[in-house]
C-alpha atoms as a PDB file:
ATOM      1  CA  MET A   1       0.000   0.000   0.000  1.00  0.00           C
ATOM      2  CA  LYS A   2       2.817   2.414   0.896  1.00  0.00           C
ATOM      3  CA  GLU A   3       4.588   1.806  -2.424  1.00  0.00           C
ATOM      4  CA  VAL A   4       1.349   2.423  -4.349  1.00  0.00           C
ATOM      5  CA  ILE A   5       0.891   5.800  -2.626  1.00  0.00           C
ATOM      6  CA  PHE A   6       4.469   6.844  -3.390  1.00  0.00           C
ATOM      7  CA  LYS A   7       4.026   5.849  -7.044  1.00  0.00           C
ATOM      8  CA  LEU A   8       0.909   8.015  -7.313  1.00  0.00           C
ATOM      9  CA  ILE A   9       2.707  11.010  -5.778  1.00  0.00           C
ATOM     10  CA  PHE A  10       5.602  10.410  -8.175  1.00  0.00           C
ATOM     11  CA  ILE A  11       3.300  10.442 -11.230  1.00  0.00           C
ATOM     12  CA  VAL A  12       1.435  13.575 -10.092  1.00  0.00           C
ATOM     13  CA  PHE A  13       4.643  15.560  -9.670  1.00  0.00           C
ATOM     14  CA  PHE A  14       5.990  14.637 -13.082  1.00  0.00           C
ATOM     15  CA  LEU A  15       2.674  15.587 -14.684  1.00  0.00           C
ATOM     16  CA  ASN A  16       3.257  19.076 -13.260  1.00  0.00           C
ATOM     17  CA  ILE A  17       6.080  19.507 -15.752  1.00  0.00           C
ATOM     18  CA  PHE A  18       3.480  19.758 -18.519  1.00  0.00           C
ATOM     19  CA  CYS A  19       0.550  21.218 -16.581  1.00  0.00           C
ATOM     20  CA  PHE A  20       2.057  24.454 -15.290  1.00  0.00           C
ATOM     21  CA  SER A  21       3.254  27.280 -17.485  1.00  0.00           C
ATOM     22  CA  GLU A  22       6.319  29.246 -16.431  1.00  0.00           C
ATOM     23  CA  ASN A  23       7.131  32.794 -17.455  1.00  0.00           C
ATOM     24  CA  ILE A  24       9.390  33.554 -14.489  1.00  0.00           C
ATOM     25  CA  ASN A  25      13.003  34.392 -15.243  1.00  0.00           C
ATOM     26  CA  PRO A  26      15.131  31.502 -13.856  1.00  0.00           C
ATOM     27  CA  SER A  27      17.636  34.025 -12.493  1.00  0.00           C
ATOM     28  CA  THR A  28      15.013  35.037  -9.919  1.00  0.00           C
ATOM     29  CA  TYR A  29      15.443  31.642  -8.246  1.00  0.00           C
ATOM     30  CA  ASP A  30      18.982  30.627  -9.277  1.00  0.00           C
ATOM     31  CA  TYR A  31      19.856  30.274  -5.574  1.00  0.00           C
ATOM     32  CA  VAL A  32      17.368  27.379  -5.292  1.00  0.00           C
ATOM     33  CA  PHE A  33      18.878  23.927  -5.800  1.00  0.00           C
ATOM     34  CA  ASN A  34      18.905  20.479  -4.188  1.00  0.00           C
ATOM     35  CA  ASN A  35      21.044  19.776  -1.138  1.00  0.00           C
ATOM     36  CA  TYR A  36      21.120  15.989  -1.156  1.00  0.00           C
ATOM     37  CA  ILE A  37      23.958  13.458  -0.842  1.00  0.00           C
ATOM     38  CA  PRO A  38      23.222   9.691  -0.621  1.00  0.00           C
ATOM     39  CA  ASN A  39      23.879   8.224   2.821  1.00  0.00           C
ATOM     40  CA  LYS A  40      25.885   5.417   1.227  1.00  0.00           C
ATOM     41  CA  ILE A  41      28.479   8.114   0.411  1.00  0.00           C
ATOM     42  CA  THR A  42      28.348  10.115   3.664  1.00  0.00           C
ATOM     43  CA  LYS A  43      26.214  10.378   6.802  1.00  0.00           C
ATOM     44  CA  ASN A  44      27.240  13.934   7.722  1.00  0.00           C
ATOM     45  CA  ASN A  45      29.101  16.459   5.610  1.00  0.00           C
ATOM     46  CA  ILE A  46      30.014  20.090   5.158  1.00  0.00           C
ATOM     47  CA  GLY A  47      31.280  21.751   2.017  1.00  0.00           C
ATOM     48  CA  ILE A  48      31.331  24.561  -0.515  1.00  0.00           C
ATOM     49  CA  LYS A  49      29.457  24.934  -3.797  1.00  0.00           C
ATOM     50  CA  TYR A  50      30.281  27.088  -6.803  1.00  0.00           C
ATOM     51  CA  SER A  51      27.676  28.072  -9.411  1.00  0.00           C
ATOM     52  CA  PHE A  52      29.235  28.821 -12.822  1.00  0.00           C
ATOM     53  CA  LYS A  53      26.225  30.738 -14.143  1.00  0.00           C
ATOM     54  CA  ASN A  54      26.355  33.581 -11.616  1.00  0.00           C
ATOM     55  CA  ASN A  55      29.783  32.974 -10.026  1.00  0.00           C
ATOM     56  CA  GLN A  56      28.097  32.504  -6.676  1.00  0.00           C
ATOM     57  CA  LYS A  57      29.538  30.516  -3.759  1.00  0.00           C
ATOM     58  CA  TYR A  58      27.696  28.726  -0.945  1.00  0.00           C
ATOM     59  CA  ILE A  59      28.565  26.946   2.282  1.00  0.00           C
ATOM     60  CA  LEU A  60      26.384  23.875   2.738  1.00  0.00           C
ATOM     61  CA  SER A  61      25.814  20.929   5.040  1.00  0.00           C
ATOM     62  CA  GLN A  62      23.671  17.799   5.194  1.00  0.00           C
ATOM     63  CA  ASN A  63      23.104  15.345   8.055  1.00  0.00           C
ATOM     64  CA  TRP A  64      21.329  11.986   8.025  1.00  0.00           C
ATOM     65  CA  ILE A  65      19.318  11.681  11.260  1.00  0.00           C
ATOM     66  CA  THR A  66      18.199   8.106  10.509  1.00  0.00           C
ATOM     67  CA  ASN A  67      18.671   5.734   7.556  1.00  0.00           C
ATOM     68  CA  ASN A  68      15.693   7.395   5.843  1.00  0.00           C
ATOM     69  CA  LEU A  69      15.554  10.977   7.168  1.00  0.00           C
ATOM     70  CA  TYR A  70      17.976  13.871   6.679  1.00  0.00           C
ATOM     71  CA  ILE A  71      18.159  17.605   7.321  1.00  0.00           C
ATOM     72  CA  GLY A  72      20.348  20.138   5.554  1.00  0.00           C
ATOM     73  CA  GLY A  73      20.891  23.741   4.628  1.00  0.00           C
ATOM     74  CA  TYR A  74      23.181  26.254   2.959  1.00  0.00           C
ATOM     75  CA  PHE A  75      23.852  29.967   2.771  1.00  0.00           C
ATOM     76  CA  GLY A  76      25.725  32.317   0.455  1.00  0.00           C
ATOM     77  CA  SER A  77      26.222  35.944  -0.446  1.00  0.00           C
ATOM     78  CA  ASN A  78      25.557  37.246  -3.944  1.00  0.00           C
ATOM     79  CA  ASN A  79      28.110  39.304  -5.880  1.00  0.00           C
ATOM     80  CA  ASN A  80      25.371  41.904  -6.334  1.00  0.00           C
ATOM     81  CA  GLN A  81      26.019  44.615  -3.720  1.00  0.00           C
ATOM     82  CA  ASN A  82      22.283  45.120  -3.156  1.00  0.00           C
ATOM     83  CA  GLU A  83      21.797  41.532  -2.033  1.00  0.00           C
ATOM     84  CA  LYS A  84      22.760  40.594   1.489  1.00  0.00           C
ATOM     85  CA  ILE A  85      22.442  36.834   1.952  1.00  0.00           C
ATOM     86  CA  ASN A  86      20.732  33.693   0.640  1.00  0.00           C
ATOM     87  CA  TYR A  87      19.879  30.882   3.019  1.00  0.00           C
ATOM     88  CA  THR A  88      18.021  27.577   2.864  1.00  0.00           C
ATOM     89  CA  LEU A  89      16.710  24.841   5.120  1.00  0.00           C
ATOM     90  CA  ASN A  90      15.605  21.484   3.717  1.00  0.00           C
ATOM     91  CA  LEU A  91      14.282  18.170   5.004  1.00  0.00           C
ATOM     92  CA  GLY A  92      14.157  14.903   3.090  1.00  0.00           C
ATOM     93  CA  TYR A  93      12.795  11.370   3.376  1.00  0.00           C
ATOM     94  CA  LYS A  94      14.164   8.370   1.443  1.00  0.00           C
ATOM     95  CA  THR A  95      12.101   5.355   0.387  1.00  0.00           C
ATOM     96  CA  ASP A  96      13.541   2.011  -0.658  1.00  0.00           C
ATOM     97  CA  LEU A  97      11.957   0.117  -3.556  1.00  0.00           C
ATOM     98  CA  SER A  98      11.960  -3.626  -2.957  1.00  0.00           C
ATOM     99  CA  TYR A  99      11.902  -4.491  -6.673  1.00  0.00           C
ATOM    100  CA  PHE A 100      14.880  -2.207  -7.559  1.00  0.00           C
ATOM    101  CA  LYS A 101      17.732  -2.780  -5.129  1.00  0.00           C
ATOM    102  CA  ASP A 102      19.858   0.292  -5.920  1.00  0.00           C
ATOM    103  CA  LEU A 103      17.036   2.695  -6.840  1.00  0.00           C
ATOM    104  CA  LYS A 104      15.874   5.166  -4.174  1.00  0.00           C
ATOM    105  CA  ILE A 105      13.091   7.763  -4.260  1.00  0.00           C
ATOM    106  CA  ILE A 106      13.609  10.829  -2.053  1.00  0.00           C
ATOM    107  CA  TYR A 107      10.976  13.422  -1.144  1.00  0.00           C
ATOM    108  CA  ASP A 108      12.547  16.737  -0.202  1.00  0.00           C
ATOM    109  CA  ILE A 109      10.956  19.985   1.008  1.00  0.00           C
ATOM    110  CA  GLY A 110      12.833  23.249   1.461  1.00  0.00           C
ATOM    111  CA  ILE A 111      12.481  26.946   2.193  1.00  0.00           C
ATOM    112  CA  HIS A 112      14.818  29.187   0.178  1.00  0.00           C
ATOM    113  CA  ASN A 113      15.168  32.820   1.166  1.00  0.00           C
ATOM    114  CA  LYS A 114      17.016  35.761  -0.409  1.00  0.00           C
ATOM    115  CA  ARG A 115      17.282  39.033   1.517  1.00  0.00           C
ATOM    116  CA  SER A 116      18.659  42.353   0.278  1.00  0.00           C
ATOM    117  CA  PHE A 117      19.914  45.551   1.854  1.00  0.00           C
ATOM    118  CA  SER A 118      16.844  47.304   0.483  1.00  0.00           C
ATOM    119  CA  ASP A 119      14.644  44.980   2.620  1.00  0.00           C
ATOM    120  CA  TYR A 120      13.516  43.100  -0.479  1.00  0.00           C
ATOM    121  CA  ASP A 121      12.714  39.522   0.500  1.00  0.00           C
ATOM    122  CA  SER A 122      12.316  36.700  -2.025  1.00  0.00           C
ATOM    123  CA  LYS A 123      11.219  33.362  -0.576  1.00  0.00           C
ATOM    124  CA  TRP A 124      10.527  30.133  -2.468  1.00  0.00           C
ATOM    125  CA  LYS A 125       9.048  26.929  -1.082  1.00  0.00           C
ATOM    126  CA  LYS A 126      10.383  23.872  -2.919  1.00  0.00           C
ATOM    127  CA  ILE A 127       9.007  20.339  -3.151  1.00  0.00           C
ATOM    128  CA  SER A 128      11.263  17.828  -4.909  1.00  0.00           C
ATOM    129  CA  ILE A 129      11.170  14.233  -6.029  1.00  0.00           C
ATOM    130  CA  ILE A 130      14.711  12.875  -6.367  1.00  0.00           C
ATOM    131  CA  ILE A 131      15.500   9.582  -8.102  1.00  0.00           C
ATOM    132  CA  ASN A 132      18.800   8.213  -6.812  1.00  0.00           C
ATOM    133  CA  TYR A 133      20.574   5.331  -8.561  1.00  0.00           C
ATOM    134  CA  ASN A 134      24.034   4.591  -7.148  1.00  0.00           C
ATOM    135  CA  ILE A 135      26.063   7.785  -7.724  1.00  0.00           C
ATOM    136  CA  PHE A 136      23.549   9.515 -10.047  1.00  0.00           C
ATOM    137  CA  THR A 137      20.399  11.491  -9.258  1.00  0.00           C
ATOM    138  CA  LEU A 138      17.623  12.968 -11.377  1.00  0.00           C
ATOM    139  CA  SER A 139      15.114  15.334  -9.774  1.00  0.00           C
ATOM    140  CA  TYR A 140      11.955  17.260 -10.530  1.00  0.00           C
ATOM    141  CA  ASN A 141      11.532  20.398  -8.419  1.00  0.00           C
ATOM    142  CA  TYR A 142       8.333  22.411  -8.050  1.00  0.00           C
ATOM    143  CA  LEU A 143       8.468  25.923  -6.540  1.00  0.00           C
ATOM    144  CA  LEU A 144       5.864  28.212  -4.976  1.00  0.00           C
ATOM    145  CA  SER A 145       6.222  31.838  -3.888  1.00  0.00           C
ATOM    146  CA  ASN A 146       4.132  34.903  -3.088  1.00  0.00           C
ATOM    147  CA  CYS A 147       3.921  37.464  -5.871  1.00  0.00           C
ATOM    148  CA  ASN A 148       5.635  40.826  -5.421  1.00  0.00           C
ATOM    149  CA  ASP A 149       5.275  44.253  -7.035  1.00  0.00           C
ATOM    150  CA  SER A 150       7.874  43.424  -9.692  1.00  0.00           C
ATOM    151  CA  ASP A 151       5.916  40.317 -10.736  1.00  0.00           C
ATOM    152  CA  ILE A 152       2.752  42.382 -11.191  1.00  0.00           C
ATOM    153  CA  LEU A 153       4.585  44.964 -13.323  1.00  0.00           C
ATOM    154  CA  ASN A 154       6.156  42.215 -15.463  1.00  0.00           C
ATOM    155  CA  LEU A 155       2.793  40.451 -15.976  1.00  0.00           C
ATOM    156  CA  ILE A 156       3.850  37.176 -14.375  1.00  0.00           C
ATOM    157  CA  ASP A 157       1.134  34.522 -14.651  1.00  0.00           C
ATOM    158  CA  SER A 158      -1.241  34.425 -11.646  1.00  0.00           C
ATOM    159  CA  CYS A 159       0.235  37.643 -10.198  1.00  0.00           C
ATOM    160  CA  SER A 160      -2.515  40.279 -10.177  1.00  0.00           C
ATOM    161  CA  ASN A 161      -1.732  41.418  -6.618  1.00  0.00           C
ATOM    162  CA  VAL A 162       0.781  40.675  -3.856  1.00  0.00           C
ATOM    163  CA  ASP A 163      -1.520  38.120  -2.215  1.00  0.00           C
ATOM    164  CA  ASP A 164      -1.366  35.811  -5.240  1.00  0.00           C
ATOM    165  CA  ILE A 165       0.883  32.762  -5.637  1.00  0.00           C
ATOM    166  CA  LYS A 166       3.323  32.143  -8.498  1.00  0.00           C
ATOM    167  CA  ASN A 167       4.966  28.834  -9.414  1.00  0.00           C
ATOM    168  CA  ALA A 168       8.003  27.560 -11.298  1.00  0.00           C
ATOM    169  CA  SER A 169       9.887  24.311 -11.785  1.00  0.00           C
ATOM    170  CA  PHE A 170      13.247  22.905 -12.845  1.00  0.00           C
ATOM    171  CA  ILE A 171      14.980  19.583 -13.515  1.00  0.00           C
ATOM    172  CA  GLY A 172      18.208  18.643 -11.718  1.00  0.00           C
ATOM    173  CA  PHE A 173      21.001  16.197 -12.620  1.00  0.00           C
ATOM    174  CA  ASP A 174      23.784  15.240 -10.200  1.00  0.00           C
ATOM    175  CA  PHE A 175      26.832  12.971 -10.253  1.00  0.00           C
ATOM    176  CA  TYR A 176      28.860  12.110  -7.136  1.00  0.00           C
ATOM    177  CA  ASN A 177      32.520  11.095  -7.177  1.00  0.00           C
ATOM    178  CA  LEU A 178      34.558  10.043  -4.144  1.00  0.00           C
ATOM    179  CA  TYR A 179      37.813  11.992  -4.314  1.00  0.00           C
ATOM    180  CA  THR A 180      39.490  10.589  -1.180  1.00  0.00           C
ATOM    181  CA  ASN A 181      38.212   8.781   1.905  1.00  0.00           C
ATOM    182  CA  ASN A 182      37.137  12.111   3.397  1.00  0.00           C
ATOM    183  CA  PHE A 183      36.476  14.355   0.396  1.00  0.00           C
ATOM    184  CA  PHE A 184      34.059  13.916  -2.480  1.00  0.00           C
ATOM    185  CA  ILE A 185      32.928  16.008  -5.449  1.00  0.00           C
ATOM    186  CA  ASN A 186      29.393  16.641  -6.707  1.00  0.00           C
ATOM    187  CA  PHE A 187      28.926  17.778 -10.322  1.00  0.00           C
ATOM    188  CA  GLY A 188      25.443  19.092 -11.036  1.00  0.00           C
ATOM    189  CA  LEU A 189      23.265  20.742 -13.648  1.00  0.00           C
ATOM    190  CA  LYS A 190      19.998  22.570 -13.095  1.00  0.00           C
ATOM    191  CA  LYS A 191      17.767  22.978 -16.168  1.00  0.00           C
ATOM    192  CA  SER A 192      14.896  25.456 -16.309  1.00  0.00           C
ATOM    193  CA  LYS A 193      13.290  25.460 -19.752  1.00  0.00           C
ATOM    194  CA  THR A 194      16.173  26.550 -22.034  1.00  0.00           C
ATOM    195  CA  SER A 195      18.412  27.893 -19.236  1.00  0.00           C
ATOM    196  CA  LEU A 196      21.205  25.741 -17.789  1.00  0.00           C
ATOM    197  CA  PHE A 197      22.877  26.317 -14.414  1.00  0.00           C
ATOM    198  CA  PRO A 198      26.000  24.096 -14.006  1.00  0.00           C
ATOM    199  CA  TYR A 199      27.679  23.856 -10.600  1.00  0.00           C
ATOM    200  CA  ILE A 200      30.241  21.906  -8.619  1.00  0.00           C
ATOM    201  CA  SER A 201      30.594  21.249  -4.889  1.00  0.00           C
ATOM    202  CA  LEU A 202      33.392  19.859  -2.748  1.00  0.00           C
ATOM    203  CA  ARG A 203      32.335  18.274   0.556  1.00  0.00           C
ATOM    204  CA  TYR A 204      34.116  16.884   3.577  1.00  0.00           C
ATOM    205  CA  ASN A 205      32.836  13.740   5.280  1.00  0.00           C
ATOM    206  CA  LEU A 206      32.449  14.501   9.012  1.00  0.00           C
END
């Protein structure tokens, strides 16, 4: 019964790729990405991430509380002088599929916040389905946020006033490579429509 429910959730989320239009510039949520490392690679880690698209750096961490539950987060400062800090908290749950030994499905939720010196606050809520097979992951990520004045001026879908909700989505690809016993590298790519956001992270196994 549990596996049937998870399969239904999985199908619904992937249908969202085709059911929701997106006219939001991906650069408005380029600080939103997955913070997941399989527990077969590391139980607890800390590291740094570099995004090639916007030359932005982050400090991140992830900790497995149990074999199926983890908590993580990251923060960074944008090169733009008007932006103060970006920070994220995320929580994930892993399910094991009895008929595919090495295939895992992870459900991840996160809150991603960007604050600026001008008191502008951009916050996205993210729900992700991550498919993990050995050292590779593929993810679908669905985002929700409150509309702001800029969205109304730019005629963003569903944004007629600041009480409305806007949505976006992106696909993520990740590859993990153990560098030494304590260090490992994560190569990733975030795809939003025709925009690509490549990145790399180096983490230390605590």
